[in-house]
N, C-alpha and C. Protein backbone atom coordinates (compact mmCIF):
# COMPACT_ATOMS: atom_id res chain seq x y z
N UNK A 1 6.54 -3.52 -5.06
CA UNK A 1 7.37 -2.37 -5.06
C UNK A 1 7.27 -2.05 -3.51
N UNK A 2 7.81 -1.47 -2.65
CA UNK A 2 7.57 -0.74 -1.22
C UNK A 2 7.08 1.02 -1.30
N UNK A 3 6.14 1.75 -0.96
CA UNK A 3 6.21 3.35 -1.14
C UNK A 3 6.81 4.36 -0.40
N UNK A 4 7.91 5.14 -0.27
CA UNK A 4 8.62 5.67 -0.39
C UNK A 4 7.65 6.57 0.83
N UNK A 5 7.72 6.70 1.72
CA UNK A 5 7.43 8.30 2.66
C UNK A 5 8.09 8.56 3.88
N UNK A 6 8.13 10.17 2.76
CA UNK A 6 9.25 10.76 4.08
C UNK A 6 7.96 12.28 4.09
N UNK A 7 8.16 12.28 6.27
CA UNK A 7 7.87 12.53 7.65
C UNK A 7 8.42 13.68 7.83
N UNK A 8 8.31 14.92 7.96
CA UNK A 8 8.67 15.95 8.73
C UNK A 8 8.24 16.24 9.68
N UNK A 9 8.81 16.63 10.98
CA UNK A 9 8.16 16.81 12.92
C UNK A 9 8.57 17.48 12.47
N UNK A 10 8.33 19.01 13.16
CA UNK A 10 8.24 20.26 14.05
C UNK A 10 8.62 19.65 15.23
N UNK A 11 9.07 20.69 16.20
CA UNK A 11 8.85 21.28 17.40
C UNK A 11 8.87 19.95 18.43
N UNK A 12 9.98 18.92 17.67
CA UNK A 12 9.60 17.63 18.86
C UNK A 12 8.36 16.84 18.21
N UNK A 13 7.42 17.36 18.32
CA UNK A 13 5.81 16.83 17.50
C UNK A 13 6.09 15.40 17.42
N UNK A 14 5.00 14.75 18.34
CA UNK A 14 5.01 13.02 18.24
C UNK A 14 3.65 13.04 16.51
N UNK A 15 3.43 14.03 15.93
CA UNK A 15 2.64 13.77 14.63
C UNK A 15 3.53 14.52 13.78
N UNK A 16 3.62 14.18 12.54
CA UNK A 16 4.19 14.81 11.54
C UNK A 16 3.24 15.93 10.99
N UNK A 17 4.21 17.36 10.40
CA UNK A 17 3.68 17.91 9.91
C UNK A 17 3.25 18.11 8.87
N UNK A 18 4.96 17.10 7.70
CA UNK A 18 4.41 17.06 6.41
C UNK A 18 4.40 15.90 6.02
N UNK A 19 3.99 15.29 5.82
CA UNK A 19 4.51 13.74 5.04
C UNK A 19 3.81 13.21 3.69
N UNK A 20 5.34 13.52 3.03
CA UNK A 20 5.16 12.89 1.69
C UNK A 20 4.95 11.66 1.14
N UNK A 21 4.42 10.94 0.03
CA UNK A 21 4.11 9.85 -0.21
C UNK A 21 4.12 9.28 -1.79
N UNK A 22 5.81 9.06 -2.53
CA UNK A 22 5.94 8.77 -3.53
C UNK A 22 6.19 7.14 -3.24
N UNK A 23 4.61 6.44 -4.97
CA UNK A 23 3.25 5.67 -4.89
C UNK A 23 5.24 4.26 -5.43
N UNK A 24 4.94 3.58 -4.48
CA UNK A 24 6.16 2.41 -5.34
C UNK A 24 6.00 1.99 -6.91
N UNK A 25 5.17 2.32 -7.58
CA UNK A 25 5.32 1.78 -9.17
C UNK A 25 5.59 3.43 -9.20
N UNK A 26 5.90 4.63 -9.21
CA UNK A 26 5.73 5.34 -9.99
C UNK A 26 7.97 5.26 -9.27
N UNK A 27 8.57 5.11 -8.06
CA UNK A 27 9.70 5.04 -7.55
C UNK A 27 10.54 6.22 -8.56
N UNK A 28 10.96 5.34 -10.00
CA UNK A 28 12.17 5.11 -10.06
C UNK A 28 11.83 5.90 -11.12
N UNK A 29 10.89 6.38 -12.05
CA UNK A 29 10.31 7.61 -12.53
C UNK A 29 10.69 8.75 -11.36
N UNK A 30 9.82 8.86 -10.89
CA UNK A 30 10.08 10.29 -9.79
C UNK A 30 11.78 10.05 -9.41
N UNK A 31 12.56 8.98 -8.90
CA UNK A 31 13.61 9.82 -8.86
C UNK A 31 14.60 10.69 -9.52
N UNK A 32 13.80 10.17 -11.07
CA UNK A 32 14.97 10.74 -12.23
C UNK A 32 14.14 12.14 -12.37
N UNK A 33 13.81 12.28 -11.70
CA UNK A 33 12.19 13.75 -11.81
C UNK A 33 13.26 14.43 -11.04
N UNK A 34 13.75 14.30 -9.98
CA UNK A 34 13.98 15.35 -8.05
C UNK A 34 15.03 15.87 -9.15
N UNK A 35 14.55 17.54 -9.13
CA UNK A 35 15.79 18.33 -9.10
C UNK A 35 17.48 17.59 -8.96
N UNK A 36 18.31 18.66 -10.25
CA UNK A 36 19.62 18.11 -8.72
C UNK A 36 20.36 18.67 -7.93
N UNK A 37 19.45 19.54 -8.35
CA UNK A 37 20.20 20.51 -6.56
C UNK A 37 19.47 19.61 -5.17
N UNK A 38 18.49 19.65 -5.97
CA UNK A 38 17.36 18.24 -4.51
C UNK A 38 18.03 17.13 -4.40
N UNK A 39 18.47 16.64 -5.16
CA UNK A 39 19.15 15.31 -5.20
C UNK A 39 20.97 15.33 -4.23
N UNK A 40 21.40 16.60 -5.10
CA UNK A 40 22.50 16.56 -4.00
C UNK A 40 22.69 16.72 -2.64
N UNK A 41 21.69 17.61 -2.50
CA UNK A 41 20.69 18.47 -1.33
C UNK A 41 21.13 16.71 -0.28
N UNK A 42 20.26 16.14 -0.36
CA UNK A 42 19.98 14.65 -0.77
C UNK A 42 21.56 13.52 -0.34
N UNK A 43 21.45 13.30 -1.13
CA UNK A 43 23.57 13.37 -0.67
C UNK A 43 24.17 14.03 0.03
N UNK A 44 24.58 14.77 0.12
CA UNK A 44 25.03 15.73 1.23
C UNK A 44 24.68 15.36 2.61
N UNK A 45 23.31 14.79 2.81
CA UNK A 45 22.70 14.06 3.88
C UNK A 45 23.12 12.25 4.06
N UNK A 46 24.04 11.90 3.27
CA UNK A 46 24.37 10.85 3.18
C UNK A 46 22.93 9.81 2.55
N UNK A 47 22.51 10.45 1.70
CA UNK A 47 21.24 9.76 0.96
C UNK A 47 21.13 9.72 -0.10
N UNK A 48 21.15 8.41 -1.09
CA UNK A 48 21.30 8.63 -2.45
C UNK A 48 20.10 7.24 -3.59
N UNK A 49 19.58 8.34 -3.22
CA UNK A 49 18.32 8.09 -4.43
C UNK A 49 18.29 6.91 -4.28
N UNK A 50 19.37 6.21 -5.83
CA UNK A 50 19.94 5.25 -6.54
C UNK A 50 18.96 4.10 -6.08
N UNK A 51 20.01 3.83 -3.98
CA UNK A 51 20.53 2.90 -3.43
C UNK A 51 18.69 2.73 -2.69
N UNK A 52 17.79 3.93 -2.76
CA UNK A 52 16.40 3.76 -2.59
C UNK A 52 15.58 3.27 -2.77
N UNK A 53 16.09 3.42 -4.33
CA UNK A 53 14.91 2.48 -5.56
C UNK A 53 14.58 1.25 -5.64
N UNK A 54 16.46 0.41 -5.15
CA UNK A 54 17.13 -0.52 -5.62
C UNK A 54 16.03 -1.50 -4.86
N UNK A 55 16.11 -0.72 -2.89
CA UNK A 55 15.38 -1.24 -1.93
C UNK A 55 13.62 -1.33 -1.67
N UNK A 56 13.71 -0.32 -2.75
CA UNK A 56 11.62 -1.11 -2.58
C UNK A 56 11.81 -1.86 -3.23
N UNK A 57 12.33 -1.93 -4.50
CA UNK A 57 11.73 -3.61 -5.02
C UNK A 57 12.37 -4.81 -4.09
N UNK A 58 13.06 -5.03 -3.00
CA UNK A 58 13.03 -5.80 -2.06
C UNK A 58 11.90 -5.36 -1.32
N UNK A 59 11.03 -6.79 -1.52
CA UNK A 59 10.41 -7.63 -0.40
C UNK A 59 9.86 -7.21 0.77
N UNK A 60 11.35 -7.40 0.93
CA UNK A 60 12.13 -7.56 2.68
C UNK A 60 12.24 -6.64 2.55
N UNK A 61 13.01 -5.41 2.44
CA UNK A 61 12.50 -4.24 2.50
C UNK A 61 11.57 -3.28 2.73
N UNK A 62 11.88 -2.69 4.42
CA UNK A 62 10.72 -2.18 5.10
C UNK A 62 11.11 -1.86 6.18
N UNK A 63 10.46 -0.44 6.79
CA UNK A 63 11.11 0.50 8.03
C UNK A 63 11.84 1.62 7.34
N UNK A 64 11.91 2.14 8.45
CA UNK A 64 13.19 3.21 8.28
C UNK A 64 14.26 3.34 7.68
N UNK A 65 14.76 4.35 6.97
CA UNK A 65 15.90 4.37 6.27
C UNK A 65 17.03 5.04 6.79
N UNK A 66 15.98 6.49 7.23
CA UNK A 66 16.98 7.43 7.45
C UNK A 66 16.00 8.35 8.44
N UNK A 67 17.26 9.23 9.38
CA UNK A 67 16.62 9.99 10.16
C UNK A 67 17.22 10.85 10.28
N UNK A 68 17.11 12.24 9.99
CA UNK A 68 18.07 13.21 9.71
C UNK A 68 17.58 14.08 11.07
N UNK A 69 18.04 14.61 11.81
CA UNK A 69 17.38 15.86 12.59
C UNK A 69 18.38 17.42 12.55
N UNK A 70 17.55 17.76 11.85
CA UNK A 70 18.21 19.68 11.87
C UNK A 70 17.82 19.88 13.33
N UNK A 71 18.60 20.08 14.19
CA UNK A 71 18.92 21.19 15.06
C UNK A 71 18.47 22.17 15.44
N UNK A 72 19.10 23.29 14.69
CA UNK A 72 18.70 24.78 13.90
C UNK A 72 17.35 25.07 13.69
N UNK A 73 16.55 23.73 12.89
CA UNK A 73 15.61 24.65 12.39
C UNK A 73 14.90 23.37 13.25
N UNK A 74 15.35 22.52 14.54
CA UNK A 74 14.47 22.64 15.71
C UNK A 74 13.81 20.98 15.01
N UNK A 75 13.94 20.31 13.46
CA UNK A 75 12.70 19.44 12.73
C UNK A 75 13.76 17.97 12.82
N UNK A 76 13.62 17.27 12.24
CA UNK A 76 13.53 15.81 12.46
C UNK A 76 12.58 15.36 10.51
N UNK A 77 13.24 14.68 9.98
CA UNK A 77 12.93 14.06 8.87
C UNK A 77 13.56 12.70 8.83
N UNK A 78 12.08 11.54 8.40
CA UNK A 78 12.24 10.39 8.44
C UNK A 78 11.89 9.97 7.30
N UNK A 79 12.60 9.24 6.96
CA UNK A 79 12.61 8.59 5.04
C UNK A 79 12.27 7.24 5.63
N UNK A 80 11.46 6.25 5.04
CA UNK A 80 11.14 5.26 4.94
C UNK A 80 10.41 4.72 3.83
N UNK A 81 10.26 3.74 4.44
CA UNK A 81 9.13 2.23 2.82
C UNK A 81 8.57 1.66 3.85
N UNK A 82 7.50 2.17 3.42
CA UNK A 82 6.00 0.52 3.93
C UNK A 82 5.61 0.42 2.20
């Protein structure tokens, strides 16, 4: 199972300001531990955790899944399977 990587880029930088890695082995469990409010915020941006978990189980599914640009905050969030 692929690892889930969430990277936050600020001010147009090419290197991420923050990187969060959820290892594939615990991805299904970790997705259930996310607070309801956080899961709802992801859904508002079109990100479905259950679908990400299913994709992570597919050995051919790799790469960027979602890229969110927050223009008012001048940041970019990239969610990928690696």
